[in-house]
PDB file of all heavy atoms in Angstrom:
ATOM      1  N   TYR A   1     110.317  93.228  97.078  1.00  0.00           N
ATOM      2  CA  TYR A   1     111.672  92.869  96.692  1.00  0.00           C
ATOM      3  C   TYR A   1     111.688  92.165  95.342  1.00  0.00           C
ATOM      4  O   TYR A   1     110.773  91.411  95.002  1.00  0.00           O
ATOM      5  CB  TYR A   1     112.314  91.972  97.749  1.00  0.00           C
ATOM      6  CG  TYR A   1     112.601  92.688  99.046  1.00  0.00           C
ATOM      7  CD1 TYR A   1     111.799  92.494 100.168  1.00  0.00           C
ATOM      8  CD2 TYR A   1     113.657  93.578  99.150  1.00  0.00           C
ATOM      9  CE1 TYR A   1     112.053  93.156 101.357  1.00  0.00           C
ATOM     10  CE2 TYR A   1     113.922  94.249 100.330  1.00  0.00           C
ATOM     11  CZ  TYR A   1     113.115  94.033 101.429  1.00  0.00           C
ATOM     12  OH  TYR A   1     113.368  94.702 102.593  1.00  0.00           O
ATOM     13  N   VAL A   2     112.764  92.421  94.600  1.00  0.00           N
ATOM     14  CA  VAL A   2     112.972  91.772  93.300  1.00  0.00           C
ATOM     15  C   VAL A   2     114.348  91.121  93.325  1.00  0.00           C
ATOM     16  O   VAL A   2     115.362  91.819  93.418  1.00  0.00           O
ATOM     17  CB  VAL A   2     112.890  92.792  92.147  1.00  0.00           C
ATOM     18  CG1 VAL A   2     113.089  92.080  90.816  1.00  0.00           C
ATOM     19  CG2 VAL A   2     111.570  93.545  92.174  1.00  0.00           C
ATOM     20  N   ALA A   3     114.386  89.806  93.268  1.00  0.00           N
ATOM     21  CA  ALA A   3     115.654  89.078  93.234  1.00  0.00           C
ATOM     22  C   ALA A   3     116.136  89.011  91.792  1.00  0.00           C
ATOM     23  O   ALA A   3     115.407  88.565  90.902  1.00  0.00           O
ATOM     24  CB  ALA A   3     115.478  87.674  93.800  1.00  0.00           C
ATOM     25  N   LEU A   4     117.367  89.453  91.544  1.00  0.00           N
ATOM     26  CA  LEU A   4     117.926  89.468  90.197  1.00  0.00           C
ATOM     27  C   LEU A   4     119.184  88.615  90.141  1.00  0.00           C
ATOM     28  O   LEU A   4     119.895  88.470  91.139  1.00  0.00           O
ATOM     29  CB  LEU A   4     118.231  90.905  89.767  1.00  0.00           C
ATOM     30  CG  LEU A   4     116.990  91.805  89.633  1.00  0.00           C
ATOM     31  CD1 LEU A   4     117.391  93.240  89.332  1.00  0.00           C
ATOM     32  CD2 LEU A   4     116.064  91.281  88.540  1.00  0.00           C
ATOM     33  N   PRO A   5     119.502  88.065  88.960  1.00  0.00           N
ATOM     34  CA  PRO A   5     120.566  87.049  88.881  1.00  0.00           C
ATOM     35  C   PRO A   5     121.983  87.586  88.870  1.00  0.00           C
ATOM     36  O   PRO A   5     122.917  86.842  89.143  1.00  0.00           O
ATOM     37  CB  PRO A   5     120.260  86.326  87.564  1.00  0.00           C
ATOM     38  CG  PRO A   5     119.558  87.355  86.725  1.00  0.00           C
ATOM     39  CD  PRO A   5     118.753  88.175  87.693  1.00  0.00           C
ATOM     40  N   THR A   6     122.177  88.865  88.519  1.00  0.00           N
ATOM     41  CA  THR A   6     123.531  89.401  88.420  1.00  0.00           C
ATOM     42  C   THR A   6     123.605  90.794  89.034  1.00  0.00           C
ATOM     43  O   THR A   6     122.588  91.489  89.160  1.00  0.00           O
ATOM     44  CB  THR A   6     123.989  89.505  86.955  1.00  0.00           C
ATOM     45  OG1 THR A   6     123.160  90.459  86.267  1.00  0.00           O
ATOM     46  CG2 THR A   6     123.924  88.158  86.257  1.00  0.00           C
ATOM     47  N   ILE A   7     124.820  91.194  89.384  1.00  0.00           N
ATOM     48  CA  ILE A   7     125.030  92.545  89.894  1.00  0.00           C
ATOM     49  C   ILE A   7     124.683  93.567  88.823  1.00  0.00           C
ATOM     50  O   ILE A   7     124.054  94.599  89.096  1.00  0.00           O
ATOM     51  CB  ILE A   7     126.484  92.707  90.372  1.00  0.00           C
ATOM     52  CG1 ILE A   7     126.703  91.873  91.642  1.00  0.00           C
ATOM     53  CG2 ILE A   7     126.822  94.171  90.655  1.00  0.00           C
ATOM     54  CD1 ILE A   7     128.145  91.849  92.136  1.00  0.00           C
ATOM     55  N   ARG A   8     125.060  93.296  87.569  1.00  0.00           N
ATOM     56  CA  ARG A   8     124.732  94.213  86.476  1.00  0.00           C
ATOM     57  C   ARG A   8     123.224  94.420  86.348  1.00  0.00           C
ATOM     58  O   ARG A   8     122.757  95.537  86.128  1.00  0.00           O
ATOM     59  CB  ARG A   8     125.309  93.687  85.159  1.00  0.00           C
ATOM     60  CG  ARG A   8     124.971  94.559  83.951  1.00  0.00           C
ATOM     61  CD  ARG A   8     125.681  94.101  82.701  1.00  0.00           C
ATOM     62  NE  ARG A   8     127.107  94.411  82.770  1.00  0.00           N
ATOM     63  CZ  ARG A   8     127.628  95.576  82.431  1.00  0.00           C
ATOM     64  NH1 ARG A   8     126.833  96.560  81.999  1.00  0.00           N
ATOM     65  NH2 ARG A   8     128.921  95.774  82.513  1.00  0.00           N
ATOM     66  N   SER A   9     122.448  93.363  86.481  1.00  0.00           N
ATOM     67  CA  SER A   9     120.995  93.497  86.343  1.00  0.00           C
ATOM     68  C   SER A   9     120.404  94.343  87.461  1.00  0.00           C
ATOM     69  O   SER A   9     119.403  95.041  87.259  1.00  0.00           O
ATOM     70  CB  SER A   9     120.327  92.119  86.305  1.00  0.00           C
ATOM     71  OG  SER A   9     120.541  91.403  87.510  1.00  0.00           O
ATOM     72  N   VAL A  10     121.019  94.322  88.654  1.00  0.00           N
ATOM     73  CA  VAL A  10     120.557  95.195  89.739  1.00  0.00           C
ATOM     74  C   VAL A  10     120.823  96.650  89.367  1.00  0.00           C
ATOM     75  O   VAL A  10     119.949  97.518  89.487  1.00  0.00           O
ATOM     76  CB  VAL A  10     121.251  94.835  91.071  1.00  0.00           C
ATOM     77  CG1 VAL A  10     120.861  95.838  92.160  1.00  0.00           C
ATOM     78  CG2 VAL A  10     120.882  93.427  91.508  1.00  0.00           C
ATOM     79  N   PHE A  11     122.041  96.944  88.902  1.00  0.00           N
ATOM     80  CA  PHE A  11     122.377  98.298  88.471  1.00  0.00           C
ATOM     81  C   PHE A  11     121.414  98.777  87.380  1.00  0.00           C
ATOM     82  O   PHE A  11     120.902  99.903  87.430  1.00  0.00           O
ATOM     83  CB  PHE A  11     123.810  98.349  87.938  1.00  0.00           C
ATOM     84  CG  PHE A  11     124.859  98.604  88.983  1.00  0.00           C
ATOM     85  CD1 PHE A  11     125.309  97.577  89.810  1.00  0.00           C
ATOM     86  CD2 PHE A  11     125.417  99.863  89.141  1.00  0.00           C
ATOM     87  CE1 PHE A  11     126.285  97.804  90.768  1.00  0.00           C
ATOM     88  CE2 PHE A  11     126.399 100.107  90.101  1.00  0.00           C
ATOM     89  CZ  PHE A  11     126.833  99.071  90.921  1.00  0.00           C
ATOM     90  N   GLU A  12     121.161  97.933  86.397  1.00  0.00           N
ATOM     91  CA  GLU A  12     120.315  98.340  85.274  1.00  0.00           C
ATOM     92  C   GLU A  12     118.866  98.551  85.684  1.00  0.00           C
ATOM     93  O   GLU A  12     118.186  99.431  85.148  1.00  0.00           O
ATOM     94  CB  GLU A  12     120.420  97.298  84.159  1.00  0.00           C
ATOM     95  CG  GLU A  12     121.790  97.297  83.484  1.00  0.00           C
ATOM     96  CD  GLU A  12     121.959  96.189  82.461  1.00  0.00           C
ATOM     97  OE1 GLU A  12     121.118  95.258  82.457  1.00  0.00           O
ATOM     98  OE2 GLU A  12     122.937  96.241  81.687  1.00  0.00           O
ATOM     99  N   SER A  13     118.383  97.781  86.655  1.00  0.00           N
ATOM    100  CA  SER A  13     117.010  97.961  87.129  1.00  0.00           C
ATOM    101  C   SER A  13     116.836  99.302  87.827  1.00  0.00           C
ATOM    102  O   SER A  13     115.802  99.957  87.691  1.00  0.00           O
ATOM    103  CB  SER A  13     116.622  96.821  88.076  1.00  0.00           C
ATOM    104  OG  SER A  13     116.483  95.612  87.375  1.00  0.00           O
ATOM    105  N   VAL A  14     117.858  99.709  88.588  1.00  0.00           N
ATOM    106  CA  VAL A  14     117.803 101.030  89.223  1.00  0.00           C
ATOM    107  C   VAL A  14     117.959 102.120  88.173  1.00  0.00           C
ATOM    108  O   VAL A  14     117.235 103.128  88.177  1.00  0.00           O
ATOM    109  CB  VAL A  14     118.910 101.155  90.295  1.00  0.00           C
ATOM    110  CG1 VAL A  14     118.864 102.548  90.935  1.00  0.00           C
ATOM    111  CG2 VAL A  14     118.751 100.087  91.363  1.00  0.00           C
ATOM    112  N   GLU A  15     118.875 101.914  87.232  1.00  0.00           N
ATOM    113  CA  GLU A  15     119.155 102.908  86.198  1.00  0.00           C
ATOM    114  C   GLU A  15     117.921 103.200  85.341  1.00  0.00           C
ATOM    115  O   GLU A  15     117.648 104.352  84.987  1.00  0.00           O
ATOM    116  CB  GLU A  15     120.302 102.402  85.322  1.00  0.00           C
ATOM    117  CG  GLU A  15     120.770 103.365  84.249  1.00  0.00           C
ATOM    118  CD  GLU A  15     121.886 102.775  83.425  1.00  0.00           C
ATOM    119  OE1 GLU A  15     121.799 101.573  83.059  1.00  0.00           O
ATOM    120  OE2 GLU A  15     122.857 103.494  83.153  1.00  0.00           O
ATOM    121  N   THR A  16     117.147 102.168  85.014  1.00  0.00           N
ATOM    122  CA  THR A  16     115.972 102.335  84.155  1.00  0.00           C
ATOM    123  C   THR A  16     114.716 102.702  84.923  1.00  0.00           C
ATOM    124  O   THR A  16     113.669 102.957  84.319  1.00  0.00           O
ATOM    125  CB  THR A  16     115.709 101.037  83.370  1.00  0.00           C
ATOM    126  OG1 THR A  16     115.528  99.947  84.291  1.00  0.00           O
ATOM    127  CG2 THR A  16     116.866 100.729  82.437  1.00  0.00           C
ATOM    128  N   GLY A  17     114.789 102.714  86.254  1.00  0.00           N
ATOM    129  CA  GLY A  17     113.635 103.091  87.056  1.00  0.00           C
ATOM    130  C   GLY A  17     112.672 101.957  87.324  1.00  0.00           C
ATOM    131  O   GLY A  17     111.577 102.189  87.850  1.00  0.00           O
ATOM    132  N   ARG A  18     113.046 100.721  86.989  1.00  0.00           N
ATOM    133  CA  ARG A  18     112.153  99.597  87.279  1.00  0.00           C
ATOM    134  C   ARG A  18     112.029  99.370  88.782  1.00  0.00           C
ATOM    135  O   ARG A  18     111.028  98.850  89.262  1.00  0.00           O
ATOM    136  CB  ARG A  18     112.663  98.326  86.585  1.00  0.00           C
ATOM    137  CG  ARG A  18     112.576  98.378  85.068  1.00  0.00           C
ATOM    138  CD  ARG A  18     112.715  96.995  84.449  1.00  0.00           C
ATOM    139  NE  ARG A  18     114.028  96.421  84.668  1.00  0.00           N
ATOM    140  CZ  ARG A  18     115.073  96.597  83.862  1.00  0.00           C
ATOM    141  NH1 ARG A  18     114.934  97.366  82.788  1.00  0.00           N
ATOM    142  NH2 ARG A  18     116.227  96.026  84.119  1.00  0.00           N
ATOM    143  N   VAL A  19     113.076  99.738  89.517  1.00  0.00           N
ATOM    144  CA  VAL A  19     113.033  99.701  90.981  1.00  0.00           C
ATOM    145  C   VAL A  19     113.578 101.026  91.495  1.00  0.00           C
ATOM    146  O   VAL A  19     114.271 101.747  90.780  1.00  0.00           O
ATOM    147  CB  VAL A  19     113.858  98.525  91.561  1.00  0.00           C
ATOM    148  CG1 VAL A  19     113.320  97.191  91.087  1.00  0.00           C
ATOM    149  CG2 VAL A  19     115.336  98.676  91.209  1.00  0.00           C
ATOM    150  N   ARG A  20     113.279 101.352  92.740  1.00  0.00           N
ATOM    151  CA  ARG A  20     113.762 102.605  93.329  1.00  0.00           C
ATOM    152  C   ARG A  20     115.162 102.443  93.900  1.00  0.00           C
ATOM    153  O   ARG A  20     115.988 103.351  93.810  1.00  0.00           O
ATOM    154  CB  ARG A  20     112.797 103.053  94.440  1.00  0.00           C
ATOM    155  CG  ARG A  20     113.173 104.388  95.090  1.00  0.00           C
ATOM    156  CD  ARG A  20     112.980 105.535  94.142  1.00  0.00           C
ATOM    157  NE  ARG A  20     113.286 106.817  94.777  1.00  0.00           N
ATOM    158  CZ  ARG A  20     114.491 107.388  94.788  1.00  0.00           C
ATOM    159  NH1 ARG A  20     115.506 106.793  94.185  1.00  0.00           N
ATOM    160  NH2 ARG A  20     114.677 108.553  95.364  1.00  0.00           N
ATOM    161  N   PHE A  21     115.435 101.261  94.505  1.00  0.00           N
ATOM    162  CA  PHE A  21     116.727 101.020  95.138  1.00  0.00           C
ATOM    163  C   PHE A  21     117.273  99.666  94.707  1.00  0.00           C
ATOM    164  O   PHE A  21     116.517  98.743  94.372  1.00  0.00           O
ATOM    165  CB  PHE A  21     116.621 101.059  96.666  1.00  0.00           C
ATOM    166  CG  PHE A  21     116.175 102.377  97.219  1.00  0.00           C
ATOM    167  CD1 PHE A  21     114.869 102.576  97.623  1.00  0.00           C
ATOM    168  CD2 PHE A  21     117.071 103.433  97.326  1.00  0.00           C
ATOM    169  CE1 PHE A  21     114.453 103.807  98.127  1.00  0.00           C
ATOM    170  CE2 PHE A  21     116.671 104.657  97.833  1.00  0.00           C
ATOM    171  CZ  PHE A  21     115.361 104.846  98.228  1.00  0.00           C
ATOM    172  N   GLY A  22     118.594  99.549  94.738  1.00  0.00           N
ATOM    173  CA  GLY A  22     119.250  98.281  94.468  1.00  0.00           C
ATOM    174  C   GLY A  22     120.287  97.998  95.541  1.00  0.00           C
ATOM    175  O   GLY A  22     120.962  98.914  96.022  1.00  0.00           O
ATOM    176  N   VAL A  23     120.421  96.730  95.919  1.00  0.00           N
ATOM    177  CA  VAL A  23     121.361  96.340  96.967  1.00  0.00           C
ATOM    178  C   VAL A  23     122.341  95.328  96.389  1.00  0.00           C
ATOM    179  O   VAL A  23     121.934  94.281  95.860  1.00  0.00           O
ATOM    180  CB  VAL A  23     120.630  95.726  98.182  1.00  0.00           C
ATOM    181  CG1 VAL A  23     121.616  95.402  99.297  1.00  0.00           C
ATOM    182  CG2 VAL A  23     119.548  96.683  98.694  1.00  0.00           C
ATOM    183  N   VAL A  24     123.633  95.657  96.472  1.00  0.00           N
ATOM    184  CA  VAL A  24     124.679  94.778  95.940  1.00  0.00           C
ATOM    185  C   VAL A  24     125.823  94.670  96.942  1.00  0.00           C
ATOM    186  O   VAL A  24     126.086  95.616  97.695  1.00  0.00           O
ATOM    187  CB  VAL A  24     125.238  95.299  94.596  1.00  0.00           C
ATOM    188  CG1 VAL A  24     124.157  95.293  93.516  1.00  0.00           C
ATOM    189  CG2 VAL A  24     125.844  96.681  94.744  1.00  0.00           C
ATOM    190  N   PRO A  25     126.527  93.540  96.970  1.00  0.00           N
ATOM    191  CA  PRO A  25     127.718  93.436  97.824  1.00  0.00           C
ATOM    192  C   PRO A  25     128.868  94.209  97.206  1.00  0.00           C
ATOM    193  O   PRO A  25     129.017  94.259  95.980  1.00  0.00           O
ATOM    194  CB  PRO A  25     127.997  91.927  97.836  1.00  0.00           C
ATOM    195  CG  PRO A  25     127.443  91.432  96.537  1.00  0.00           C
ATOM    196  CD  PRO A  25     126.242  92.292  96.251  1.00  0.00           C
ATOM    197  N   ILE A  26     129.678  94.826  98.050  1.00  0.00           N
ATOM    198  CA  ILE A  26     130.831  95.591  97.559  1.00  0.00           C
ATOM    199  C   ILE A  26     132.148  95.018  98.072  1.00  0.00           C
ATOM    200  O   ILE A  26     133.167  95.082  97.380  1.00  0.00           O
ATOM    201  CB  ILE A  26     130.688  97.095  97.918  1.00  0.00           C
ATOM    202  CG1 ILE A  26     131.743  97.929  97.193  1.00  0.00           C
ATOM    203  CG2 ILE A  26     130.760  97.300  99.405  1.00  0.00           C
ATOM    204  CD1 ILE A  26     131.566  98.004  95.715  1.00  0.00           C
ATOM    205  N   GLU A  27     132.149  94.438  99.280  1.00  0.00           N
ATOM    206  CA  GLU A  27     133.389  93.834  99.772  1.00  0.00           C
ATOM    207  C   GLU A  27     133.109  92.953 100.979  1.00  0.00           C
ATOM    208  O   GLU A  27     132.116  93.121 101.685  1.00  0.00           O
ATOM    209  CB  GLU A  27     134.427  94.900 100.135  1.00  0.00           C
ATOM    210  CG  GLU A  27     134.023  95.847 101.244  1.00  0.00           C
ATOM    211  CD  GLU A  27     135.112  96.877 101.544  1.00  0.00           C
ATOM    212  OE1 GLU A  27     136.302  96.552 101.368  1.00  0.00           O
ATOM    213  OE2 GLU A  27     134.765  98.001 101.947  1.00  0.00           O
ATOM    214  N   ASN A  28     134.026  92.005 101.169  1.00  0.00           N
ATOM    215  CA  ASN A  28     134.017  91.133 102.341  1.00  0.00           C
ATOM    216  C   ASN A  28     135.365  91.272 103.035  1.00  0.00           C
ATOM    217  O   ASN A  28     136.405  91.333 102.366  1.00  0.00           O
ATOM    218  CB  ASN A  28     133.771  89.680 101.917  1.00  0.00           C
ATOM    219  CG  ASN A  28     133.839  88.711 103.081  1.00  0.00           C
ATOM    220  OD1 ASN A  28     134.895  88.183 103.396  1.00  0.00           O
ATOM    221  ND2 ASN A  28     132.715  88.483 103.732  1.00  0.00           N
ATOM    222  N   ASN A  29     135.345  91.347 104.346  1.00  0.00           N
ATOM    223  CA  ASN A  29     136.601  91.610 105.054  1.00  0.00           C
ATOM    224  C   ASN A  29     137.546  90.416 105.068  1.00  0.00           C
ATOM    225  O   ASN A  29     138.701  90.545 105.491  1.00  0.00           O
ATOM    226  CB  ASN A  29     136.321  92.104 106.488  1.00  0.00           C
ATOM    227  CG  ASN A  29     135.700  91.035 107.371  1.00  0.00           C
ATOM    228  OD1 ASN A  29     135.216  90.004 106.893  1.00  0.00           O
ATOM    229  ND2 ASN A  29     135.698  91.271 108.660  1.00  0.00           N
ATOM    230  N   GLN A  30     137.095  89.255 104.593  1.00  0.00           N
ATOM    231  CA  GLN A  30     137.965  88.090 104.485  1.00  0.00           C
ATOM    232  C   GLN A  30     138.411  87.834 103.040  1.00  0.00           C
ATOM    233  O   GLN A  30     139.521  87.369 102.799  1.00  0.00           O
ATOM    234  CB  GLN A  30     137.244  86.827 105.004  1.00  0.00           C
ATOM    235  CG  GLN A  30     136.641  86.968 106.391  1.00  0.00           C
ATOM    236  CD  GLN A  30     137.669  87.077 107.480  1.00  0.00           C
ATOM    237  OE1 GLN A  30     138.652  86.353 107.477  1.00  0.00           O
ATOM    238  NE2 GLN A  30     137.462  87.988 108.430  1.00  0.00           N
ATOM    239  N   GLU A  31     137.527  88.155 102.086  1.00  0.00           N
ATOM    240  CA  GLU A  31     137.783  87.799 100.689  1.00  0.00           C
ATOM    241  C   GLU A  31     138.120  88.994  99.800  1.00  0.00           C
ATOM    242  O   GLU A  31     138.557  88.820  98.669  1.00  0.00           O
ATOM    243  CB  GLU A  31     136.545  87.075 100.112  1.00  0.00           C
ATOM    244  CG  GLU A  31     136.178  85.796 100.834  1.00  0.00           C
ATOM    245  CD  GLU A  31     137.170  84.678 100.595  1.00  0.00           C
ATOM    246  OE1 GLU A  31     137.836  84.690  99.543  1.00  0.00           O
ATOM    247  OE2 GLU A  31     137.280  83.783 101.461  1.00  0.00           O
TER     248      GLU A  31
END
């Protein structure tokens, strides 16, 4: 696992191939 500081950095790590998968939150049913 690679912990990254921003959602954008997760997207970019997957986009550049530094990681195979990225996990980001998309919605919360309360917020």
